[in-house]
Amino acid sequence: MRKTTLALKVISIVALSLLLFSCNPQERGTNSGSFIIIENIIGKDNLGNDSSVVFSDVITGGVAYSDFVNITLRAATLDPNPLLGVSQYSDIMLTRYVVSYIRSDGATAEGIAVPYRFEGALSVLLPIGSSVTIPLMIVRDVAKTQPPLLALVGDPTGIIECTARIELFGHDLRNRAVKQTGQITVRFADFRDQ
């Protein structure tokens, strides 16, 4: 009887531990103990100044250029004070990103209402507790030669405003998947050349 009671207590403790460690909503479908914090996303306005909105000129001096943002990221652990300290295996390696668009009126038809989504490769290490700023392409030059952006060329009153959704993918150094999503507003127009 005594052995049965002890066994039940051990099983209860193990089951409770598994339940507690598996119910963290921060993990978002991963068992990594690390996650990505997006500290800020900074684009450029039509004068080249830092801005929280990307002003994307569809044609500048007869040429379509890609647009970039600077994104500042930080890696952190779910446990802010790990019992054994932070290991290098908690650091995050970013491997790719995906940019997609949604118009301010909710339209998402690629090549009709918004530019096509695209994917880019990354090889960026985010050490736990350190901030890293990286440039990311937010609009490809080829998107400006396709609908719907092509229709803005030569139209001084035409504007398309979108939210660019940036999905970041990577893994901790134990190879457990990590993902985070950020957004920035992009205003497409044929701005007057300076």
N, C-alpha and C. Protein backbone atom coordinates (compact mmCIF):
# COMPACT_ATOMS: atom_id res chain seq x y z
N MET A 1 0.82 -1.21 0.00
CA MET A 1 0.00 0.00 0.00
C MET A 1 0.86 1.26 0.00
N ARG A 2 1.92 1.21 0.80
CA ARG A 2 2.80 2.35 0.91
C ARG A 2 3.52 2.61 -0.41
N LYS A 3 3.97 1.52 -1.10
CA LYS A 3 4.65 1.65 -2.39
C LYS A 3 3.70 2.20 -3.45
N THR A 4 2.44 1.79 -3.41
CA THR A 4 1.44 2.27 -4.36
C THR A 4 1.21 3.77 -4.18
N THR A 5 1.12 4.23 -2.93
CA THR A 5 0.91 5.65 -2.64
C THR A 5 2.10 6.47 -3.11
N LEU A 6 3.31 5.98 -2.87
CA LEU A 6 4.51 6.68 -3.31
C LEU A 6 4.56 6.75 -4.84
N ALA A 7 4.24 5.66 -5.50
CA ALA A 7 4.24 5.63 -6.96
C ALA A 7 3.21 6.61 -7.52
N LEU A 8 2.03 6.68 -6.90
CA LEU A 8 1.00 7.62 -7.35
C LEU A 8 1.45 9.07 -7.17
N LYS A 9 2.15 9.35 -6.07
CA LYS A 9 2.65 10.71 -5.84
C LYS A 9 3.68 11.09 -6.91
N VAL A 10 4.59 10.17 -7.22
CA VAL A 10 5.62 10.43 -8.24
C VAL A 10 4.96 10.67 -9.59
N ILE A 11 3.99 9.82 -9.95
CA ILE A 11 3.29 9.99 -11.22
C ILE A 11 2.55 11.32 -11.26
N SER A 12 1.95 11.71 -10.16
CA SER A 12 1.22 12.98 -10.09
C SER A 12 2.17 14.16 -10.29
N ILE A 13 3.33 14.10 -9.65
CA ILE A 13 4.31 15.19 -9.77
C ILE A 13 4.81 15.29 -11.21
N VAL A 14 5.12 14.16 -11.83
CA VAL A 14 5.59 14.16 -13.21
C VAL A 14 4.51 14.71 -14.15
N ALA A 15 3.27 14.25 -13.96
CA ALA A 15 2.18 14.72 -14.81
C ALA A 15 1.94 16.22 -14.63
N LEU A 16 2.00 16.70 -13.39
CA LEU A 16 1.81 18.13 -13.14
C LEU A 16 2.94 18.95 -13.76
N SER A 17 4.17 18.45 -13.68
CA SER A 17 5.31 19.15 -14.29
C SER A 17 5.14 19.24 -15.80
N LEU A 18 4.75 18.15 -16.43
CA LEU A 18 4.54 18.16 -17.87
C LEU A 18 3.43 19.13 -18.25
N LEU A 19 2.37 19.16 -17.48
CA LEU A 19 1.27 20.07 -17.75
C LEU A 19 1.71 21.53 -17.63
N LEU A 20 2.47 21.85 -16.59
CA LEU A 20 2.91 23.22 -16.39
C LEU A 20 3.85 23.69 -17.50
N PHE A 21 4.77 22.83 -17.91
CA PHE A 21 5.75 23.23 -18.91
C PHE A 21 5.20 23.18 -20.32
N SER A 22 4.04 22.57 -20.55
CA SER A 22 3.51 22.48 -21.90
C SER A 22 2.42 23.52 -22.17
N CYS A 23 2.11 24.36 -21.23
CA CYS A 23 0.99 25.29 -21.39
C CYS A 23 1.43 26.74 -21.56
N ASN A 24 2.60 26.97 -22.04
CA ASN A 24 3.07 28.33 -22.20
C ASN A 24 2.67 28.87 -23.57
N PRO A 25 1.76 29.87 -23.64
CA PRO A 25 1.30 30.39 -24.92
C PRO A 25 2.40 31.10 -25.70
N GLN A 26 3.50 31.50 -25.03
CA GLN A 26 4.60 32.17 -25.73
C GLN A 26 5.28 31.25 -26.73
N GLU A 27 5.20 29.95 -26.51
CA GLU A 27 5.96 29.02 -27.33
C GLU A 27 5.41 28.90 -28.74
N ARG A 28 4.15 29.17 -28.97
CA ARG A 28 3.56 29.18 -30.31
C ARG A 28 3.92 27.95 -31.13
N GLY A 29 3.70 26.80 -30.56
CA GLY A 29 3.90 25.58 -31.33
C GLY A 29 5.33 25.10 -31.40
N THR A 30 6.22 25.63 -30.61
CA THR A 30 7.60 25.18 -30.58
C THR A 30 7.97 24.82 -29.16
N ASN A 31 8.96 23.99 -29.01
CA ASN A 31 9.40 23.64 -27.66
C ASN A 31 10.69 24.37 -27.31
N SER A 32 11.05 25.39 -28.08
CA SER A 32 12.24 26.17 -27.77
C SER A 32 12.00 26.99 -26.51
N GLY A 33 13.05 27.16 -25.75
CA GLY A 33 12.99 28.01 -24.56
C GLY A 33 13.35 29.44 -24.88
N SER A 34 13.56 29.76 -26.17
CA SER A 34 13.94 31.10 -26.61
C SER A 34 12.87 31.69 -27.52
N PHE A 35 12.82 33.00 -27.58
CA PHE A 35 11.91 33.66 -28.50
C PHE A 35 12.52 34.97 -28.99
N ILE A 36 11.94 35.52 -30.07
CA ILE A 36 12.44 36.74 -30.69
C ILE A 36 11.57 37.92 -30.30
N ILE A 37 12.21 39.01 -29.93
CA ILE A 37 11.51 40.27 -29.66
C ILE A 37 11.88 41.25 -30.78
N ILE A 38 10.87 41.81 -31.44
CA ILE A 38 11.12 42.85 -32.44
C ILE A 38 11.07 44.18 -31.71
N GLU A 39 12.21 44.84 -31.60
CA GLU A 39 12.27 46.11 -30.87
C GLU A 39 11.76 47.27 -31.72
N ASN A 40 12.11 47.28 -33.00
CA ASN A 40 11.54 48.29 -33.90
C ASN A 40 11.83 47.93 -35.35
N ILE A 41 11.04 48.54 -36.24
CA ILE A 41 11.23 48.42 -37.68
C ILE A 41 11.22 49.84 -38.23
N ILE A 42 12.31 50.24 -38.87
CA ILE A 42 12.45 51.62 -39.34
C ILE A 42 12.64 51.62 -40.86
N GLY A 43 11.80 52.39 -41.54
CA GLY A 43 11.93 52.57 -42.98
C GLY A 43 12.41 53.98 -43.29
N LYS A 44 12.22 54.40 -44.54
CA LYS A 44 12.61 55.74 -44.98
C LYS A 44 11.40 56.46 -45.57
N ASP A 45 11.30 57.77 -45.31
CA ASP A 45 10.24 58.55 -45.95
C ASP A 45 10.72 58.98 -47.34
N ASN A 46 9.93 59.78 -48.04
CA ASN A 46 10.29 60.15 -49.41
C ASN A 46 11.47 61.12 -49.49
N LEU A 47 11.94 61.62 -48.35
CA LEU A 47 13.12 62.49 -48.33
C LEU A 47 14.36 61.74 -47.83
N GLY A 48 14.18 60.45 -47.51
CA GLY A 48 15.31 59.65 -47.04
C GLY A 48 15.53 59.67 -45.55
N ASN A 49 14.59 60.25 -44.79
CA ASN A 49 14.70 60.29 -43.33
C ASN A 49 14.11 59.03 -42.73
N ASP A 50 14.60 58.65 -41.53
CA ASP A 50 14.04 57.51 -40.82
C ASP A 50 12.55 57.74 -40.54
N SER A 51 11.77 56.67 -40.69
CA SER A 51 10.33 56.81 -40.56
C SER A 51 9.71 55.49 -40.09
N SER A 52 8.59 55.57 -39.43
CA SER A 52 7.84 54.37 -39.04
C SER A 52 6.94 53.90 -40.18
N VAL A 53 6.95 54.64 -41.30
CA VAL A 53 6.23 54.29 -42.52
C VAL A 53 7.24 54.28 -43.66
N VAL A 54 7.19 53.26 -44.52
CA VAL A 54 8.07 53.20 -45.68
C VAL A 54 7.39 53.93 -46.83
N PHE A 55 8.04 54.96 -47.37
CA PHE A 55 7.54 55.65 -48.55
C PHE A 55 8.25 55.02 -49.75
N SER A 56 7.53 54.22 -50.50
CA SER A 56 8.11 53.46 -51.61
C SER A 56 7.83 54.17 -52.92
N ASP A 57 8.87 54.77 -53.50
CA ASP A 57 8.75 55.46 -54.78
C ASP A 57 8.82 54.40 -55.88
N VAL A 58 7.76 54.29 -56.69
CA VAL A 58 7.71 53.24 -57.69
C VAL A 58 8.71 53.44 -58.81
N ILE A 59 9.12 54.70 -59.05
CA ILE A 59 10.16 54.94 -60.06
C ILE A 59 10.92 56.21 -59.67
N THR A 60 12.26 56.10 -59.70
CA THR A 60 13.11 57.23 -59.34
C THR A 60 14.11 57.45 -60.47
N GLY A 61 14.00 58.57 -61.15
CA GLY A 61 14.90 58.84 -62.27
C GLY A 61 14.80 57.79 -63.36
N GLY A 62 13.62 57.25 -63.57
CA GLY A 62 13.40 56.25 -64.60
C GLY A 62 13.78 54.83 -64.21
N VAL A 63 14.17 54.61 -62.94
CA VAL A 63 14.61 53.29 -62.47
C VAL A 63 13.79 52.87 -61.26
N ALA A 64 13.45 51.58 -61.19
CA ALA A 64 12.77 51.02 -60.01
C ALA A 64 13.82 50.43 -59.08
N TYR A 65 13.82 50.90 -57.83
CA TYR A 65 14.77 50.41 -56.83
C TYR A 65 14.04 49.63 -55.75
N SER A 66 14.73 48.67 -55.15
CA SER A 66 14.18 47.95 -54.00
C SER A 66 14.17 48.87 -52.79
N ASP A 67 13.25 48.62 -51.85
CA ASP A 67 13.17 49.37 -50.60
C ASP A 67 13.56 48.45 -49.45
N PHE A 68 14.21 49.04 -48.45
CA PHE A 68 14.70 48.28 -47.31
C PHE A 68 14.20 48.91 -46.01
N VAL A 69 14.16 48.09 -44.97
CA VAL A 69 13.93 48.57 -43.60
C VAL A 69 15.09 48.08 -42.75
N ASN A 70 15.31 48.75 -41.64
CA ASN A 70 16.22 48.26 -40.61
C ASN A 70 15.36 47.71 -39.49
N ILE A 71 15.58 46.45 -39.15
CA ILE A 71 14.79 45.81 -38.11
C ILE A 71 15.72 45.45 -36.95
N THR A 72 15.35 45.87 -35.76
CA THR A 72 16.15 45.60 -34.57
C THR A 72 15.49 44.48 -33.79
N LEU A 73 16.26 43.43 -33.55
CA LEU A 73 15.75 42.21 -32.91
C LEU A 73 16.57 41.89 -31.67
N ARG A 74 15.91 41.19 -30.77
CA ARG A 74 16.59 40.71 -29.56
C ARG A 74 16.07 39.32 -29.24
N ALA A 75 16.94 38.45 -28.81
CA ALA A 75 16.54 37.11 -28.37
C ALA A 75 16.44 37.10 -26.86
N ALA A 76 15.45 36.38 -26.36
CA ALA A 76 15.26 36.26 -24.91
C ALA A 76 14.82 34.84 -24.60
N THR A 77 14.89 34.49 -23.33
CA THR A 77 14.45 33.15 -22.91
C THR A 77 13.09 33.27 -22.22
N LEU A 78 12.30 32.21 -22.36
CA LEU A 78 11.00 32.18 -21.69
C LEU A 78 11.16 32.28 -20.19
N ASP A 79 12.18 31.64 -19.67
CA ASP A 79 12.51 31.74 -18.25
C ASP A 79 13.49 32.89 -18.09
N PRO A 80 13.06 34.01 -17.50
CA PRO A 80 13.94 35.18 -17.43
C PRO A 80 15.15 34.98 -16.53
N ASN A 81 15.12 33.97 -15.66
CA ASN A 81 16.22 33.73 -14.74
C ASN A 81 16.44 32.22 -14.62
N PRO A 82 17.03 31.59 -15.67
CA PRO A 82 17.21 30.15 -15.64
C PRO A 82 18.07 29.70 -14.46
N LEU A 83 17.70 28.60 -13.86
CA LEU A 83 18.37 28.08 -12.67
C LEU A 83 19.85 27.84 -12.93
N LEU A 84 20.19 27.31 -14.09
CA LEU A 84 21.58 27.01 -14.42
C LEU A 84 22.24 28.08 -15.28
N GLY A 85 21.59 29.23 -15.44
CA GLY A 85 22.13 30.29 -16.28
C GLY A 85 21.75 30.10 -17.74
N VAL A 86 22.09 31.07 -18.55
CA VAL A 86 21.76 31.03 -19.97
C VAL A 86 22.88 30.34 -20.73
N SER A 87 22.50 29.41 -21.58
CA SER A 87 23.45 28.66 -22.38
C SER A 87 23.54 29.26 -23.77
N GLN A 88 24.67 29.05 -24.45
CA GLN A 88 24.80 29.49 -25.84
C GLN A 88 23.80 28.77 -26.73
N TYR A 89 23.29 27.62 -26.29
CA TYR A 89 22.31 26.89 -27.08
C TYR A 89 20.95 27.58 -27.10
N SER A 90 20.78 28.61 -26.28
CA SER A 90 19.54 29.39 -26.30
C SER A 90 19.58 30.48 -27.36
N ASP A 91 20.77 30.81 -27.88
CA ASP A 91 20.87 31.81 -28.95
C ASP A 91 20.05 31.36 -30.16
N ILE A 92 19.62 32.32 -30.97
CA ILE A 92 18.75 32.03 -32.11
C ILE A 92 19.47 32.35 -33.41
N MET A 93 19.38 31.43 -34.36
CA MET A 93 19.90 31.64 -35.72
C MET A 93 18.71 31.89 -36.64
N LEU A 94 18.64 33.09 -37.21
CA LEU A 94 17.60 33.39 -38.19
C LEU A 94 18.03 32.84 -39.54
N THR A 95 17.11 32.18 -40.26
CA THR A 95 17.46 31.53 -41.51
C THR A 95 16.70 32.07 -42.73
N ARG A 96 15.52 32.66 -42.51
CA ARG A 96 14.77 33.19 -43.66
C ARG A 96 13.68 34.13 -43.17
N TYR A 97 13.13 34.88 -44.12
CA TYR A 97 11.98 35.73 -43.81
C TYR A 97 11.06 35.77 -45.01
N VAL A 98 9.78 36.05 -44.75
CA VAL A 98 8.76 36.15 -45.78
C VAL A 98 8.04 37.48 -45.61
N VAL A 99 7.90 38.22 -46.72
CA VAL A 99 7.16 39.49 -46.69
C VAL A 99 5.89 39.31 -47.52
N SER A 100 4.75 39.63 -46.92
CA SER A 100 3.47 39.63 -47.63
C SER A 100 2.78 40.95 -47.33
N TYR A 101 1.75 41.26 -48.12
CA TYR A 101 1.11 42.57 -48.02
C TYR A 101 -0.40 42.43 -47.88
N ILE A 102 -0.99 43.39 -47.16
CA ILE A 102 -2.44 43.52 -47.11
C ILE A 102 -2.75 45.01 -47.25
N ARG A 103 -3.67 45.34 -48.13
CA ARG A 103 -4.02 46.74 -48.37
C ARG A 103 -4.82 47.27 -47.19
N SER A 104 -4.85 48.58 -47.03
CA SER A 104 -5.56 49.19 -45.89
C SER A 104 -7.06 48.91 -45.92
N ASP A 105 -7.62 48.58 -47.10
CA ASP A 105 -9.05 48.23 -47.15
C ASP A 105 -9.26 46.72 -46.99
N GLY A 106 -8.18 45.98 -46.71
CA GLY A 106 -8.30 44.54 -46.46
C GLY A 106 -8.03 43.66 -47.67
N ALA A 107 -7.87 44.24 -48.84
CA ALA A 107 -7.63 43.44 -50.05
C ALA A 107 -6.26 42.78 -49.99
N THR A 108 -6.19 41.52 -50.44
CA THR A 108 -4.94 40.77 -50.39
C THR A 108 -4.61 40.06 -51.70
N ALA A 109 -5.36 40.30 -52.76
CA ALA A 109 -5.13 39.60 -54.03
C ALA A 109 -3.77 40.00 -54.61
N GLU A 110 -2.84 39.06 -54.61
CA GLU A 110 -1.49 39.34 -55.07
C GLU A 110 -1.46 39.56 -56.58
N GLY A 111 -0.72 40.59 -57.00
CA GLY A 111 -0.63 40.93 -58.42
C GLY A 111 -1.82 41.71 -58.93
N ILE A 112 -2.81 41.93 -58.07
CA ILE A 112 -4.00 42.72 -58.45
C ILE A 112 -4.16 43.89 -57.48
N ALA A 113 -4.28 43.56 -56.19
CA ALA A 113 -4.46 44.60 -55.17
C ALA A 113 -3.16 44.94 -54.45
N VAL A 114 -2.28 43.96 -54.32
CA VAL A 114 -1.02 44.15 -53.60
C VAL A 114 0.10 43.44 -54.36
N PRO A 115 1.37 43.81 -54.09
CA PRO A 115 2.48 43.08 -54.71
C PRO A 115 2.53 41.62 -54.25
N TYR A 116 3.23 40.81 -55.02
CA TYR A 116 3.40 39.39 -54.66
C TYR A 116 4.28 39.26 -53.42
N ARG A 117 3.97 38.26 -52.61
CA ARG A 117 4.82 37.96 -51.46
C ARG A 117 6.16 37.43 -51.96
N PHE A 118 7.17 37.53 -51.11
CA PHE A 118 8.47 36.98 -51.47
C PHE A 118 9.20 36.51 -50.22
N GLU A 119 10.22 35.71 -50.44
CA GLU A 119 11.00 35.13 -49.35
C GLU A 119 12.47 35.49 -49.53
N GLY A 120 13.16 35.73 -48.44
CA GLY A 120 14.59 36.01 -48.47
C GLY A 120 15.32 35.13 -47.47
N ALA A 121 16.58 34.86 -47.76
CA ALA A 121 17.41 34.04 -46.88
C ALA A 121 18.15 34.92 -45.88
N LEU A 122 18.39 34.37 -44.69
CA LEU A 122 19.15 35.06 -43.65
C LEU A 122 20.15 34.10 -43.03
N SER A 123 21.20 34.65 -42.49
CA SER A 123 22.15 33.91 -41.65
C SER A 123 22.59 34.88 -40.56
N VAL A 124 21.71 35.10 -39.60
CA VAL A 124 21.94 36.09 -38.55
C VAL A 124 21.80 35.43 -37.19
N LEU A 125 22.83 35.57 -36.36
CA LEU A 125 22.80 35.03 -35.01
C LEU A 125 22.30 36.09 -34.04
N LEU A 126 21.31 35.73 -33.22
CA LEU A 126 20.79 36.61 -32.18
C LEU A 126 21.20 36.04 -30.82
N PRO A 127 22.27 36.55 -30.23
CA PRO A 127 22.65 36.07 -28.90
C PRO A 127 21.63 36.52 -27.86
N ILE A 128 21.36 35.69 -26.89
CA ILE A 128 20.40 36.04 -25.83
C ILE A 128 20.84 37.33 -25.15
N GLY A 129 19.90 38.28 -25.03
CA GLY A 129 20.13 39.51 -24.30
C GLY A 129 20.78 40.62 -25.11
N SER A 130 21.16 40.37 -26.37
CA SER A 130 21.79 41.40 -27.19
C SER A 130 20.85 41.82 -28.31
N SER A 131 20.89 43.10 -28.66
CA SER A 131 20.10 43.61 -29.78
C SER A 131 20.94 43.57 -31.05
N VAL A 132 20.31 43.19 -32.15
CA VAL A 132 20.97 43.13 -33.45
C VAL A 132 20.09 43.86 -34.45
N THR A 133 20.66 44.78 -35.23
CA THR A 133 19.92 45.49 -36.27
C THR A 133 20.39 44.98 -37.62
N ILE A 134 19.42 44.58 -38.45
CA ILE A 134 19.75 44.08 -39.78
C ILE A 134 18.88 44.77 -40.83
N PRO A 135 19.42 44.98 -42.04
CA PRO A 135 18.60 45.51 -43.12
C PRO A 135 17.83 44.36 -43.78
N LEU A 136 16.57 44.60 -44.08
CA LEU A 136 15.74 43.62 -44.79
C LEU A 136 15.08 44.30 -45.97
N MET A 137 15.04 43.60 -47.11
CA MET A 137 14.31 44.11 -48.25
C MET A 137 12.81 44.01 -47.93
N ILE A 138 12.10 45.11 -48.12
CA ILE A 138 10.67 45.12 -47.82
C ILE A 138 9.84 45.20 -49.10
N VAL A 139 10.42 45.76 -50.18
CA VAL A 139 9.77 45.82 -51.50
C VAL A 139 10.84 45.50 -52.54
N ARG A 140 10.57 44.51 -53.40
CA ARG A 140 11.50 44.17 -54.47
C ARG A 140 11.35 45.14 -55.63
N ASP A 141 12.44 45.43 -56.31
CA ASP A 141 12.38 46.31 -57.48
C ASP A 141 11.45 45.74 -58.55
N VAL A 142 11.44 44.41 -58.72
CA VAL A 142 10.59 43.80 -59.75
C VAL A 142 9.10 44.03 -59.46
N ALA A 143 8.73 44.17 -58.19
CA ALA A 143 7.32 44.43 -57.84
C ALA A 143 6.84 45.75 -58.42
N LYS A 144 7.76 46.67 -58.63
CA LYS A 144 7.39 47.99 -59.15
C LYS A 144 7.18 47.97 -60.67
N THR A 145 7.53 46.85 -61.30
CA THR A 145 7.33 46.71 -62.75
C THR A 145 6.13 45.82 -63.06
N GLN A 146 5.38 45.45 -62.01
CA GLN A 146 4.22 44.57 -62.15
C GLN A 146 2.99 45.25 -61.54
N PRO A 147 1.78 44.80 -61.95
CA PRO A 147 0.58 45.31 -61.29
C PRO A 147 0.58 44.90 -59.81
N PRO A 148 0.04 45.70 -58.93
CA PRO A 148 -0.67 46.96 -59.15
C PRO A 148 0.24 48.19 -59.13
N LEU A 149 1.53 48.01 -58.76
CA LEU A 149 2.40 49.18 -58.61
C LEU A 149 2.72 49.85 -59.94
N LEU A 150 2.78 49.08 -61.01
CA LEU A 150 3.08 49.63 -62.33
C LEU A 150 2.08 50.73 -62.72
N ALA A 151 0.83 50.58 -62.29
CA ALA A 151 -0.20 51.57 -62.63
C ALA A 151 0.04 52.93 -61.97
N LEU A 152 0.90 52.97 -60.95
CA LEU A 152 1.18 54.23 -60.26
C LEU A 152 2.20 55.09 -60.99
N VAL A 153 2.97 54.48 -61.91
CA VAL A 153 4.02 55.22 -62.62
C VAL A 153 3.38 56.32 -63.48
N GLY A 154 3.82 57.56 -63.25
CA GLY A 154 3.31 58.70 -64.01
C GLY A 154 2.00 59.27 -63.48
N ASP A 155 1.45 58.69 -62.40
CA ASP A 155 0.21 59.18 -61.81
C ASP A 155 0.54 59.91 -60.52
N PRO A 156 0.59 61.25 -60.54
CA PRO A 156 1.01 62.00 -59.35
C PRO A 156 0.02 61.93 -58.19
N THR A 157 -1.21 61.47 -58.44
CA THR A 157 -2.21 61.41 -57.36
C THR A 157 -2.44 59.98 -56.86
N GLY A 158 -1.87 59.00 -57.53
CA GLY A 158 -2.13 57.61 -57.16
C GLY A 158 -1.32 57.18 -55.93
N ILE A 159 -1.99 56.52 -54.99
CA ILE A 159 -1.34 56.00 -53.79
C ILE A 159 -1.95 54.65 -53.46
N ILE A 160 -1.11 53.70 -53.12
CA ILE A 160 -1.58 52.43 -52.56
C ILE A 160 -0.91 52.29 -51.20
N GLU A 161 -1.72 52.13 -50.18
CA GLU A 161 -1.16 51.97 -48.83
C GLU A 161 -1.40 50.55 -48.36
N CYS A 162 -0.32 49.91 -47.92
CA CYS A 162 -0.37 48.51 -47.49
C CYS A 162 0.30 48.36 -46.13
N THR A 163 -0.01 47.25 -45.49
CA THR A 163 0.75 46.80 -44.34
C THR A 163 1.63 45.66 -44.82
N ALA A 164 2.93 45.80 -44.63
CA ALA A 164 3.86 44.72 -44.96
C ALA A 164 4.03 43.86 -43.71
N ARG A 165 3.75 42.58 -43.88
CA ARG A 165 3.88 41.61 -42.77
C ARG A 165 5.20 40.87 -42.96
N ILE A 166 6.08 40.95 -41.96
CA ILE A 166 7.39 40.32 -42.02
C ILE A 166 7.39 39.13 -41.07
N GLU A 167 7.50 37.93 -41.63
CA GLU A 167 7.58 36.72 -40.81
C GLU A 167 9.04 36.26 -40.77
N LEU A 168 9.58 36.15 -39.58
CA LEU A 168 10.96 35.73 -39.37
C LEU A 168 10.98 34.28 -38.90
N PHE A 169 11.85 33.47 -39.51
CA PHE A 169 11.95 32.06 -39.15
C PHE A 169 13.39 31.73 -38.78
N GLY A 170 13.55 30.86 -37.82
CA GLY A 170 14.88 30.43 -37.42
C GLY A 170 14.77 29.28 -36.43
N HIS A 171 15.85 29.09 -35.68
CA HIS A 171 15.88 28.02 -34.67
C HIS A 171 16.90 28.39 -33.61
N ASP A 172 16.69 27.84 -32.41
CA ASP A 172 17.72 28.01 -31.40
C ASP A 172 18.87 27.07 -31.74
N LEU A 173 19.95 27.14 -31.00
CA LEU A 173 21.12 26.33 -31.34
C LEU A 173 20.98 24.87 -30.90
N ARG A 174 19.81 24.54 -30.37
CA ARG A 174 19.45 23.13 -30.17
C ARG A 174 18.60 22.64 -31.34
N ASN A 175 18.44 23.51 -32.35
CA ASN A 175 17.70 23.24 -33.58
C ASN A 175 16.19 23.12 -33.36
N ARG A 176 15.65 23.89 -32.41
CA ARG A 176 14.21 23.94 -32.18
C ARG A 176 13.66 25.22 -32.81
N ALA A 177 12.60 25.07 -33.59
CA ALA A 177 12.08 26.17 -34.41
C ALA A 177 11.64 27.37 -33.58
N VAL A 178 11.89 28.56 -34.13
CA VAL A 178 11.47 29.83 -33.52
C VAL A 178 10.92 30.70 -34.65
N LYS A 179 9.85 31.44 -34.37
CA LYS A 179 9.21 32.28 -35.38
C LYS A 179 8.69 33.55 -34.71
N GLN A 180 8.72 34.66 -35.45
CA GLN A 180 8.14 35.92 -34.96
C GLN A 180 7.63 36.71 -36.15
N THR A 181 6.65 37.57 -35.93
CA THR A 181 6.04 38.37 -37.00
C THR A 181 5.99 39.83 -36.59
N GLY A 182 6.36 40.71 -37.53
CA GLY A 182 6.25 42.15 -37.33
C GLY A 182 5.58 42.78 -38.53
N GLN A 183 5.21 44.05 -38.40
CA GLN A 183 4.51 44.75 -39.48
C GLN A 183 4.97 46.19 -39.57
N ILE A 184 4.89 46.72 -40.80
CA ILE A 184 5.16 48.15 -41.01
C ILE A 184 4.29 48.61 -42.18
N THR A 185 3.86 49.85 -42.14
CA THR A 185 3.05 50.42 -43.21
C THR A 185 3.95 50.83 -44.37
N VAL A 186 3.51 50.54 -45.60
CA VAL A 186 4.23 50.94 -46.80
C VAL A 186 3.28 51.78 -47.66
N ARG A 187 3.73 52.97 -48.05
CA ARG A 187 2.93 53.86 -48.91
C ARG A 187 3.60 53.92 -50.28
N PHE A 188 2.93 53.31 -51.27
CA PHE A 188 3.45 53.28 -52.63
C PHE A 188 2.91 54.47 -53.42
N ALA A 189 3.78 55.15 -54.14
CA ALA A 189 3.36 56.26 -55.01
C ALA A 189 4.51 56.60 -55.94
N ASP A 190 4.22 57.41 -56.97
CA ASP A 190 5.27 57.94 -57.84
C ASP A 190 5.60 59.33 -57.33
N PHE A 191 6.46 59.36 -56.30
CA PHE A 191 6.82 60.63 -55.67
C PHE A 191 7.67 61.48 -56.63
N ARG A 192 7.55 62.78 -56.48
CA ARG A 192 8.32 63.68 -57.33
C ARG A 192 9.81 63.50 -57.03
N ASP A 193 10.60 63.33 -58.05
CA ASP A 193 12.06 63.16 -57.86
C ASP A 193 12.65 64.44 -57.30
N GLN A 194 13.56 64.26 -56.34
CA GLN A 194 14.20 65.42 -55.68
C GLN A 194 15.33 65.95 -56.56
